[in-house]
Amino acid sequence: MTVHSTAMSDYLFHRTGGMIGSLSQLIRGAAVLAIEDGSEAITKDVLEIVPIDFAAEQSEQLTAPAKATRRRRRAA
C-alpha cells in the first residue's frame, strides 16, 4: 500500500485537524478498506469514506482553507 504523503499533506492535515491520533486512525481505517476491496491502495477516494473522530471533525473546521469571499461596497 502506498500513500503519497507529500501530495496529500494539506488534505491530511485539514482532514485530521493536525491531530496525530486522528491521522493514525484515518490511515488505519483507509488501509483496512483498501485491503478489503482488493485495491491495496490508499487514495483520496478511500480516505473520504473513512469517518473521522469528533476532535478531528471540530479541528477540521478551524484548519480548513479559507474560502474566498467577495466584499460588498457600501452605498454612500
C-alpha atoms as a PDB file:
ATOM      1  CA  MET A   1       0.000   0.000   0.000  1.00  0.00           C
ATOM      2  CA  THR A   2       1.242   3.456  -0.821  1.00  0.00           C
ATOM      3  CA  VAL A   3       0.218   6.870   0.439  1.00  0.00           C
ATOM      4  CA  HIS A   4       1.849   9.777  -1.337  1.00  0.00           C
ATOM      5  CA  SER A   5       2.035  11.957   1.756  1.00  0.00           C
ATOM      6  CA  THR A   6       3.708  14.907   0.051  1.00  0.00           C
ATOM      7  CA  ALA A   7       0.897  15.214  -2.465  1.00  0.00           C
ATOM      8  CA  MET A   8      -1.743  14.707   0.216  1.00  0.00           C
ATOM      9  CA  SER A   9      -0.172  16.512   3.170  1.00  0.00           C
ATOM     10  CA  ASP A  10      -2.530  19.511   3.092  1.00  0.00           C
ATOM     11  CA  TYR A  11      -5.566  17.274   2.696  1.00  0.00           C
ATOM     12  CA  LEU A  12      -4.486  15.019   5.572  1.00  0.00           C
ATOM     13  CA  PHE A  13      -3.675  17.981   7.819  1.00  0.00           C
ATOM     14  CA  HIS A  14      -7.034  19.647   7.230  1.00  0.00           C
ATOM     15  CA  ARG A  15      -8.986  16.404   7.415  1.00  0.00           C
ATOM     16  CA  THR A  16      -7.490  15.463  10.788  1.00  0.00           C
ATOM     17  CA  GLY A  17      -7.089  18.956  12.194  1.00  0.00           C
ATOM     18  CA  GLY A  18      -3.373  18.272  12.531  1.00  0.00           C
ATOM     19  CA  MET A  19      -4.001  15.691  15.261  1.00  0.00           C
ATOM     20  CA  ILE A  20      -1.602  12.736  15.067  1.00  0.00           C
ATOM     21  CA  GLY A  21      -4.010  10.287  16.711  1.00  0.00           C
ATOM     22  CA  SER A  22      -6.730  11.211  14.230  1.00  0.00           C
ATOM     23  CA  LEU A  23      -4.269  10.833  11.347  1.00  0.00           C
ATOM     24  CA  SER A  24      -3.302   7.377  12.577  1.00  0.00           C
ATOM     25  CA  GLN A  25      -6.955   6.362  12.836  1.00  0.00           C
ATOM     26  CA  LEU A  26      -7.711   7.727   9.359  1.00  0.00           C
ATOM     27  CA  ILE A  27      -4.793   5.894   7.726  1.00  0.00           C
ATOM     28  CA  ARG A  28      -5.567   2.671   9.600  1.00  0.00           C
ATOM     29  CA  GLY A  29      -9.221   2.796   8.512  1.00  0.00           C
ATOM     30  CA  ALA A  30      -8.248   3.501   4.901  1.00  0.00           C
ATOM     31  CA  ALA A  31      -5.752   0.617   4.952  1.00  0.00           C
ATOM     32  CA  VAL A  32      -8.437  -1.791   6.134  1.00  0.00           C
ATOM     33  CA  LEU A  33     -10.815  -0.647   3.380  1.00  0.00           C
ATOM     34  CA  ALA A  34      -8.062  -0.921   0.753  1.00  0.00           C
ATOM     35  CA  ILE A  35      -7.303  -4.487   1.832  1.00  0.00           C
ATOM     36  CA  GLU A  36     -10.979  -5.448   1.898  1.00  0.00           C
ATOM     37  CA  ASP A  37     -11.721  -4.114  -1.586  1.00  0.00           C
ATOM     38  CA  GLY A  38      -8.557  -5.669  -3.010  1.00  0.00           C
ATOM     39  CA  SER A  39      -7.106  -2.412  -4.332  1.00  0.00           C
ATOM     40  CA  GLU A  40      -4.400  -2.300  -1.670  1.00  0.00           C
ATOM     41  CA  ALA A  41      -4.017   1.428  -2.362  1.00  0.00           C
ATOM     42  CA  ILE A  42      -4.873   4.302  -0.075  1.00  0.00           C
ATOM     43  CA  THR A  43      -6.327   7.018  -2.270  1.00  0.00           C
ATOM     44  CA  LYS A  44      -8.167  10.226  -1.523  1.00  0.00           C
ATOM     45  CA  ASP A  45     -11.410   8.480  -2.515  1.00  0.00           C
ATOM     46  CA  VAL A  46     -10.793   5.775   0.098  1.00  0.00           C
ATOM     47  CA  LEU A  47      -9.805   8.362   2.726  1.00  0.00           C
ATOM     48  CA  GLU A  48     -13.058  10.249   2.090  1.00  0.00           C
ATOM     49  CA  ILE A  49     -15.068   7.161   3.089  1.00  0.00           C
ATOM     50  CA  VAL A  50     -13.373   6.785   6.484  1.00  0.00           C
ATOM     51  CA  PRO A  51     -15.168   8.682   9.256  1.00  0.00           C
ATOM     52  CA  ILE A  52     -13.010  10.888  11.456  1.00  0.00           C
ATOM     53  CA  ASP A  53     -13.285  11.261  15.208  1.00  0.00           C
ATOM     54  CA  PHE A  54     -15.125  14.134  16.882  1.00  0.00           C
ATOM     55  CA  ALA A  55     -11.978  16.041  17.877  1.00  0.00           C
ATOM     56  CA  ALA A  56     -10.650  15.962  14.320  1.00  0.00           C
ATOM     57  CA  GLU A  57     -14.026  16.994  12.975  1.00  0.00           C
ATOM     58  CA  GLN A  58     -14.012  20.053  15.219  1.00  0.00           C
ATOM     59  CA  SER A  59     -10.380  20.893  14.370  1.00  0.00           C
ATOM     60  CA  GLU A  60     -11.031  20.375  10.666  1.00  0.00           C
ATOM     61  CA  GLN A  61     -13.420  23.307  10.743  1.00  0.00           C
ATOM     62  CA  LEU A  62     -10.713  25.504  12.247  1.00  0.00           C
ATOM     63  CA  THR A  63      -7.936  24.409   9.873  1.00  0.00           C
ATOM     64  CA  ALA A  64      -9.966  24.271   6.660  1.00  0.00           C
ATOM     65  CA  PRO A  65      -8.620  26.552   3.951  1.00  0.00           C
ATOM     66  CA  ALA A  66     -10.382  29.894   3.910  1.00  0.00           C
ATOM     67  CA  LYS A  67     -12.849  30.346   1.107  1.00  0.00           C
ATOM     68  CA  ALA A  68     -12.614  33.486  -0.939  1.00  0.00           C
ATOM     69  CA  THR A  69     -15.300  35.971  -0.024  1.00  0.00           C
ATOM     70  CA  ARG A  70     -16.416  38.929  -2.006  1.00  0.00           C
ATOM     71  CA  ARG A  71     -16.581  42.203  -0.176  1.00  0.00           C
ATOM     72  CA  ARG A  72     -19.535  44.411  -0.856  1.00  0.00           C
ATOM     73  CA  ARG A  73     -19.151  48.094  -1.246  1.00  0.00           C
ATOM     74  CA  ARG A  74     -21.305  50.219   0.947  1.00  0.00           C
ATOM     75  CA  ALA A  75     -23.518  52.710  -0.739  1.00  0.00           C
ATOM     76  CA  ALA A  76     -22.531  56.244   0.231  1.00  0.00           C
END
